[in-house]
Amino acid sequence: MAVKEADSEAAGSARDAEAEPRVLVLRALGVGDLLTAVPALRAIGRAFPDHAVTLAAPRALAPLVDLIGDLTLLDHHELDTPLPRGAHHARVAINLHGRGPHSHRRLTDTHPERLIAFAHPHVPRSREGPPWRPDEHEVHRWCRMIAAHGISADPDDLALRAPQRPVPEEATGATVLHPGAKDPARRWPITRWAAVARTERARGRSVLITGGPDEQILARAVAERAQLPPGAVLAGRTDLADLAALVAAAGRVVCGDTGLAHLATALGTPSAVLFGPVSPAAWGPPPDRFQHRVLWAGRCGDPHGKRPDAGLLAIQPADVLEQMEALP
């Protein structure tokens, strides 16, 4: 079933608002942000079974939204513009985006009957919400927030439906390496990725390198140093739907603290995740799932730094390969 997308103008008429009660949820962020909010999103759907639930998030996330549940996607990017008229006058508006006040005000500007959010002193309508905790895991944060408003959520409810899309034959059981990350602080060196790739090939496993369109040079550099065949580089050749299907078919995933790590968790694919400046206690996979291994030097830094984090550099290829051998 393809995810429904809201018409930002027509959906905002008073007639439509009266015909179908609506819940508006704001989470206008990236892949990892969406996937850590899955338990809260599902709980919201259960709590309002007679309401249409609209998620304000980037349209690019549609392939994953379709795997979560019965949601209507309203294309919205970050908080750069007000929510469109189609998002106005919902019965309930829920802020899964941030602590406020800016994200709170984006929602209150749509004049919902009720606001569910963290408490913020500059937004009076949020005063009944729970306090924000800076050191909380992202999954538990949003489950706790909606629970304080009477909506029970299960933090372990992270699994996505399996994508119904074919993958290349070599992807089945392959080792998927994802060397890229948004910020340099979270990018492990190319030579170390290549060392892991070479060893995986020597172990008889197919190795594929993934990445976005702007990470093709990085992916090719890893493949060249590891002497992988040209077809091993999939960076820039897959959309999000392809990538989800690829991860679901893979035997294991190795990546940094990126959205792909959350995708591996959601699809049940064994993974080894390298953390640098950010603790896995905030963004890591559930610690009780043995099929997901975390590597972290135990120190935090600037996640937006211009150089690889010192803690990330403390992780050696041998450390990663050891954890990979322990994967199911």
Protein backbone atom coordinates (compact mmCIF):
# COMPACT_ATOMS: atom_id res chain seq x y z
CA MET A 1 0.00 0.00 0.00
CA ALA A 2 1.47 3.33 -1.05
CA VAL A 3 1.57 6.00 1.62
CA LYS A 4 -1.13 8.62 1.30
CA GLU A 5 0.01 12.20 0.80
CA ALA A 6 -2.12 15.09 1.99
CA ASP A 7 -3.18 17.91 -0.31
CA SER A 8 -1.83 20.86 1.65
CA GLU A 9 -4.61 23.23 0.54
CA ALA A 10 -7.79 21.26 -0.06
CA ALA A 11 -7.37 19.28 3.15
CA GLY A 12 -7.61 22.47 5.14
CA SER A 13 -11.21 23.39 4.42
CA ALA A 14 -13.61 23.64 7.32
CA ARG A 15 -15.82 21.03 5.65
CA ASP A 16 -13.01 18.46 5.62
CA ALA A 17 -12.08 19.22 9.23
CA GLU A 18 -15.69 18.55 10.31
CA ALA A 19 -16.03 15.40 8.20
CA GLU A 20 -12.99 13.55 9.56
CA PRO A 21 -11.32 14.22 12.91
CA ARG A 22 -7.59 14.56 12.45
CA VAL A 23 -4.39 14.22 14.44
CA LEU A 24 -1.41 16.25 13.22
CA VAL A 25 2.07 14.98 14.15
CA LEU A 26 5.20 17.06 13.51
CA ARG A 27 8.48 15.20 12.89
CA ALA A 28 10.02 17.10 9.98
CA LEU A 29 13.50 15.57 10.24
CA GLY A 30 15.57 12.73 8.73
CA VAL A 31 15.61 8.94 8.42
CA GLY A 32 16.96 8.15 11.88
CA ASP A 33 14.62 10.67 13.48
CA LEU A 34 11.60 9.08 11.81
CA LEU A 35 12.60 5.55 12.79
CA THR A 36 13.20 6.41 16.44
CA ALA A 37 9.68 7.85 16.53
CA VAL A 38 8.00 4.67 15.22
CA PRO A 39 6.84 3.41 18.66
CA ALA A 40 5.28 6.79 19.44
CA LEU A 41 3.66 7.06 16.01
CA ARG A 42 2.08 3.63 16.31
CA ALA A 43 0.85 4.39 19.82
CA ILE A 44 -0.76 7.60 18.55
CA GLY A 45 -2.59 5.64 15.86
CA ARG A 46 -3.92 3.21 18.48
CA ALA A 47 -4.95 6.02 20.82
CA PHE A 48 -6.98 7.77 18.11
CA PRO A 49 -8.49 4.93 16.05
CA ASP A 50 -11.28 7.11 14.65
CA HIS A 51 -8.95 9.90 13.55
CA ALA A 52 -6.89 10.34 10.40
CA VAL A 53 -3.26 10.73 11.48
CA THR A 54 -1.23 13.16 9.37
CA LEU A 55 2.56 13.18 9.72
CA ALA A 56 4.31 16.41 8.74
CA ALA A 57 7.68 15.19 7.44
CA PRO A 58 9.78 15.40 4.25
CA ARG A 59 8.25 13.68 1.21
CA ALA A 60 11.53 11.80 0.67
CA LEU A 61 10.65 9.65 3.70
CA ALA A 62 7.47 8.32 2.07
CA PRO A 63 8.88 4.79 1.42
CA LEU A 64 9.53 4.35 5.15
CA VAL A 65 6.31 6.02 6.28
CA ASP A 66 4.48 3.42 4.18
CA LEU A 67 6.16 0.65 6.22
CA ILE A 68 5.13 2.09 9.59
CA GLY A 69 1.34 2.03 9.44
CA ASP A 70 -1.73 3.97 8.41
CA LEU A 71 -0.36 7.50 8.10
CA THR A 72 -0.99 10.35 5.70
CA LEU A 73 2.22 12.19 4.83
CA LEU A 74 2.18 15.97 4.61
CA ASP A 75 5.39 17.19 2.96
CA HIS A 76 7.19 19.53 5.37
CA HIS A 77 10.90 20.26 5.79
CA GLU A 78 12.44 21.20 9.10
CA LEU A 79 10.82 24.34 10.52
CA ASP A 80 11.75 26.78 7.78
CA THR A 81 8.16 27.59 6.80
CA PRO A 82 4.77 27.55 8.53
CA LEU A 83 2.69 24.42 8.22
CA PRO A 84 0.28 24.69 5.27
CA ARG A 85 -3.41 25.45 5.56
CA GLY A 86 -4.17 21.76 5.14
CA ALA A 87 -2.67 21.13 8.55
CA HIS A 88 -4.89 23.62 10.39
CA HIS A 89 -7.67 22.94 12.88
CA ALA A 90 -6.75 19.37 13.84
CA ARG A 91 -8.42 17.89 16.89
CA VAL A 92 -4.96 17.10 18.30
CA ALA A 93 -1.51 18.39 17.35
CA ILE A 94 1.48 16.40 18.63
CA ASN A 95 5.04 17.68 18.68
CA LEU A 96 7.49 14.82 18.08
CA HIS A 97 9.95 17.28 16.57
CA GLY A 98 11.63 18.99 19.52
CA ARG A 99 11.40 20.62 22.90
CA GLY A 100 10.07 23.99 21.65
CA PRO A 101 9.41 26.82 21.61
CA HIS A 102 9.74 27.16 17.81
CA SER A 103 8.29 23.73 16.96
CA HIS A 104 5.51 24.25 19.53
CA ARG A 105 4.56 27.53 17.90
CA ARG A 106 4.52 26.00 14.44
CA LEU A 107 1.79 23.71 15.75
CA THR A 108 -0.14 26.24 17.81
CA ASP A 109 -0.23 28.50 14.74
CA THR A 110 -2.42 25.82 13.11
CA HIS A 111 -5.05 26.32 15.89
CA PRO A 112 -5.51 22.72 17.05
CA GLU A 113 -8.07 21.93 19.73
CA ARG A 114 -5.39 20.20 21.84
CA LEU A 115 -1.59 20.28 21.96
CA ILE A 116 0.54 17.33 23.11
CA ALA A 117 4.15 18.38 23.69
CA PHE A 118 6.94 18.81 26.20
CA ALA A 119 6.45 21.68 28.60
CA HIS A 120 8.09 24.94 27.61
CA PRO A 121 7.81 28.12 29.71
CA HIS A 122 7.39 30.33 26.63
CA VAL A 123 4.43 28.36 25.25
CA PRO A 124 1.50 28.46 27.71
CA ARG A 125 -0.45 25.74 25.90
CA SER A 126 2.35 23.26 26.64
CA ARG A 127 2.34 23.71 30.41
CA GLU A 128 0.67 20.33 31.04
CA GLY A 129 3.48 18.49 29.27
CA PRO A 130 6.37 16.68 30.98
CA PRO A 131 9.83 18.24 31.31
CA TRP A 132 12.51 17.66 28.67
CA ARG A 133 15.48 15.46 29.64
CA PRO A 134 18.63 16.14 27.61
CA ASP A 135 20.28 12.78 28.38
CA GLU A 136 17.36 10.56 27.33
CA HIS A 137 17.43 8.00 24.52
CA GLU A 138 15.54 9.34 21.53
CA VAL A 139 13.09 6.42 21.39
CA HIS A 140 12.22 6.62 25.09
CA ARG A 141 11.98 10.41 24.98
CA TRP A 142 8.92 10.46 22.74
CA CYS A 143 7.30 7.44 24.36
CA ARG A 144 7.59 9.16 27.74
CA MET A 145 6.22 12.43 26.38
CA ILE A 146 3.04 10.95 24.97
CA ALA A 147 2.64 8.64 28.00
CA ALA A 148 2.49 11.76 30.19
CA HIS A 149 -0.51 12.77 28.08
CA GLY A 150 -2.23 9.39 28.56
CA ILE A 151 -0.97 7.55 25.45
CA SER A 152 0.77 4.27 26.24
CA ALA A 153 3.68 3.34 23.92
CA ASP A 154 6.02 0.36 23.70
CA PRO A 155 9.64 1.51 23.09
CA ASP A 156 10.47 -1.91 21.60
CA ASP A 157 7.89 -1.49 18.82
CA LEU A 158 10.56 -0.49 16.28
CA ALA A 159 10.11 -3.04 13.51
CA LEU A 160 9.07 -2.03 10.00
CA ARG A 161 7.17 -4.19 7.57
CA ALA A 162 9.47 -5.87 5.05
CA PRO A 163 9.83 -3.79 1.87
CA GLN A 164 8.20 -5.37 -1.19
CA ARG A 165 10.87 -4.52 -3.73
CA PRO A 166 13.34 -6.72 -5.64
CA VAL A 167 17.07 -6.43 -4.94
CA PRO A 168 20.15 -7.48 -6.93
CA GLU A 169 21.07 -11.12 -6.48
CA GLU A 170 24.40 -10.22 -4.89
CA ALA A 171 22.61 -8.25 -2.16
CA THR A 172 21.13 -11.33 -0.50
CA GLY A 173 23.28 -12.11 2.52
CA ALA A 174 25.80 -9.43 1.61
CA THR A 175 27.82 -7.23 3.93
CA VAL A 176 26.65 -3.65 3.43
CA LEU A 177 29.16 -0.94 4.35
CA HIS A 178 27.93 2.63 4.66
CA PRO A 179 31.01 4.87 5.15
CA GLY A 180 29.25 8.23 4.90
CA ALA A 181 27.75 10.48 7.55
CA LYS A 182 26.29 13.97 7.54
CA ASP A 183 29.13 15.51 9.56
CA PRO A 184 32.90 14.84 9.30
CA ALA A 185 33.03 14.15 13.05
CA ARG A 186 31.11 10.90 12.43
CA ARG A 187 33.07 9.70 9.38
CA TRP A 188 35.52 6.88 9.98
CA PRO A 189 38.63 7.04 7.71
CA ILE A 190 38.43 5.58 4.19
CA THR A 191 41.46 3.34 4.74
CA ARG A 192 39.77 1.66 7.70
CA TRP A 193 36.56 1.04 5.79
CA ALA A 194 38.67 -0.48 3.01
CA ALA A 195 40.42 -2.77 5.50
CA VAL A 196 37.06 -4.07 6.71
CA ALA A 197 35.86 -4.55 3.13
CA ARG A 198 38.98 -6.50 2.15
CA THR A 199 38.66 -8.84 5.11
CA GLU A 200 34.98 -9.46 4.46
CA ARG A 201 35.79 -10.35 0.84
CA ALA A 202 38.53 -12.69 2.06
CA ARG A 203 35.95 -14.35 4.29
CA GLY A 204 33.92 -15.12 1.18
CA ARG A 205 31.21 -12.54 1.62
CA SER A 206 29.81 -10.21 -0.99
CA VAL A 207 30.47 -6.56 -0.03
CA LEU A 208 28.36 -3.62 -1.17
CA ILE A 209 29.05 0.07 -0.50
CA THR A 210 26.06 2.37 -0.07
CA GLY A 211 25.66 6.11 0.20
CA GLY A 212 23.78 9.11 -1.08
CA PRO A 213 24.40 10.92 -4.37
CA ASP A 214 26.94 13.21 -2.69
CA GLU A 215 28.85 10.23 -1.27
CA GLN A 216 29.72 8.48 -4.53
CA ILE A 217 33.35 9.64 -4.50
CA LEU A 218 33.74 8.41 -0.93
CA ALA A 219 32.18 5.04 -1.75
CA ARG A 220 34.33 4.57 -4.85
CA ALA A 221 37.46 5.41 -2.88
CA VAL A 222 36.64 2.68 -0.35
CA ALA A 223 35.90 0.17 -3.13
CA GLU A 224 39.13 0.98 -5.02
CA ARG A 225 41.30 0.59 -1.93
CA ALA A 226 39.57 -2.69 -1.11
CA GLN A 227 39.83 -3.86 -4.73
CA LEU A 228 36.10 -4.45 -4.98
CA PRO A 229 34.43 -4.82 -8.40
CA PRO A 230 32.81 -1.63 -9.81
CA GLY A 231 29.34 -3.08 -9.29
CA ALA A 232 29.92 -3.15 -5.54
CA VAL A 233 29.36 0.61 -5.32
CA LEU A 234 25.66 1.39 -4.95
CA ALA A 235 26.09 4.93 -3.63
CA GLY A 236 23.95 7.32 -5.63
CA ARG A 237 22.17 4.46 -7.40
CA THR A 238 19.47 3.71 -4.82
CA ASP A 239 16.52 5.69 -3.55
CA LEU A 240 15.24 5.23 0.00
CA ALA A 241 12.90 2.41 -1.02
CA ASP A 242 15.78 0.57 -2.72
CA LEU A 243 17.99 1.11 0.29
CA ALA A 244 15.40 -0.31 2.69
CA ALA A 245 14.99 -3.40 0.52
CA LEU A 246 18.77 -3.77 0.29
CA VAL A 247 19.21 -3.61 4.08
CA ALA A 248 16.38 -6.10 4.59
CA ALA A 249 18.09 -8.58 2.23
CA ALA A 250 21.63 -8.07 3.57
CA GLY A 251 23.40 -10.42 5.93
CA ARG A 252 24.91 -7.61 7.99
CA VAL A 253 25.31 -3.85 8.00
CA VAL A 254 28.31 -1.83 9.17
CA CYS A 255 27.89 1.92 9.46
CA GLY A 256 28.40 4.95 11.63
CA ASP A 257 25.85 6.75 13.76
CA THR A 258 23.50 7.43 10.83
CA GLY A 259 19.98 6.72 9.64
CA LEU A 260 21.13 3.43 8.12
CA ALA A 261 21.86 2.09 11.61
CA HIS A 262 18.24 2.70 12.60
CA LEU A 263 17.08 1.11 9.35
CA ALA A 264 19.03 -2.06 10.20
CA THR A 265 17.41 -2.14 13.63
CA ALA A 266 13.94 -1.59 12.18
CA LEU A 267 14.37 -4.37 9.60
CA GLY A 268 16.08 -6.83 11.92
CA THR A 269 19.34 -6.99 9.96
CA PRO A 270 22.43 -7.68 12.12
CA SER A 271 24.60 -4.59 12.42
CA ALA A 272 27.79 -3.17 13.82
CA VAL A 273 27.51 0.56 14.49
CA LEU A 274 30.46 2.89 15.09
CA PHE A 275 29.81 5.74 17.51
CA GLY A 276 32.11 8.71 17.99
CA PRO A 277 31.07 12.03 19.46
CA VAL A 278 27.57 10.88 20.54
CA SER A 279 26.87 8.17 23.09
CA PRO A 280 24.89 5.12 21.95
CA ALA A 281 22.83 5.67 25.10
CA ALA A 282 21.18 8.51 23.19
CA TRP A 283 20.85 7.09 19.66
CA GLY A 284 22.05 3.48 19.71
CA PRO A 285 20.10 0.28 19.00
CA PRO A 286 18.30 -1.39 21.92
CA PRO A 287 21.05 -2.76 24.18
CA ASP A 288 19.28 -6.09 24.71
CA ARG A 289 19.32 -7.08 21.02
CA PHE A 290 22.39 -9.25 20.47
CA GLN A 291 22.19 -8.90 16.68
CA HIS A 292 23.16 -5.23 16.91
CA ARG A 293 26.68 -4.46 18.14
CA VAL A 294 27.89 -1.04 19.22
CA LEU A 295 31.49 0.21 19.12
CA TRP A 296 32.23 3.29 21.20
CA ALA A 297 35.36 4.56 22.97
CA GLY A 298 33.30 5.95 25.84
CA ARG A 299 33.87 9.67 25.27
CA CYS A 300 31.71 12.39 23.78
CA GLY A 301 32.65 15.27 21.50
CA ASP A 302 31.23 17.73 19.01
CA PRO A 303 28.88 15.82 16.66
CA HIS A 304 29.15 18.63 14.10
CA GLY A 305 32.95 18.84 14.16
CA LYS A 306 34.93 19.32 10.96
CA ARG A 307 37.27 16.39 11.64
CA PRO A 308 36.70 12.77 12.64
CA ASP A 309 36.04 12.61 16.36
CA ALA A 310 38.94 11.38 18.50
CA GLY A 311 36.73 8.73 20.07
CA LEU A 312 35.71 7.46 16.64
CA LEU A 313 39.38 7.28 15.61
CA ALA A 314 40.08 5.12 18.65
CA ILE A 315 38.09 2.35 16.96
CA GLN A 316 40.32 0.15 14.80
CA PRO A 317 39.36 -2.19 11.92
CA ALA A 318 40.23 -5.18 14.10
CA ASP A 319 37.65 -4.00 16.66
CA VAL A 320 34.95 -3.80 14.00
CA LEU A 321 35.83 -7.17 12.49
CA GLU A 322 35.73 -8.80 15.90
CA GLN A 323 32.20 -7.52 16.49
CA MET A 324 31.14 -8.57 13.01
CA GLU A 325 32.29 -12.11 13.65
CA ALA A 326 30.02 -12.18 16.68
CA LEU A 327 26.97 -11.22 14.62
CA PRO A 328 24.41 -13.94 13.89
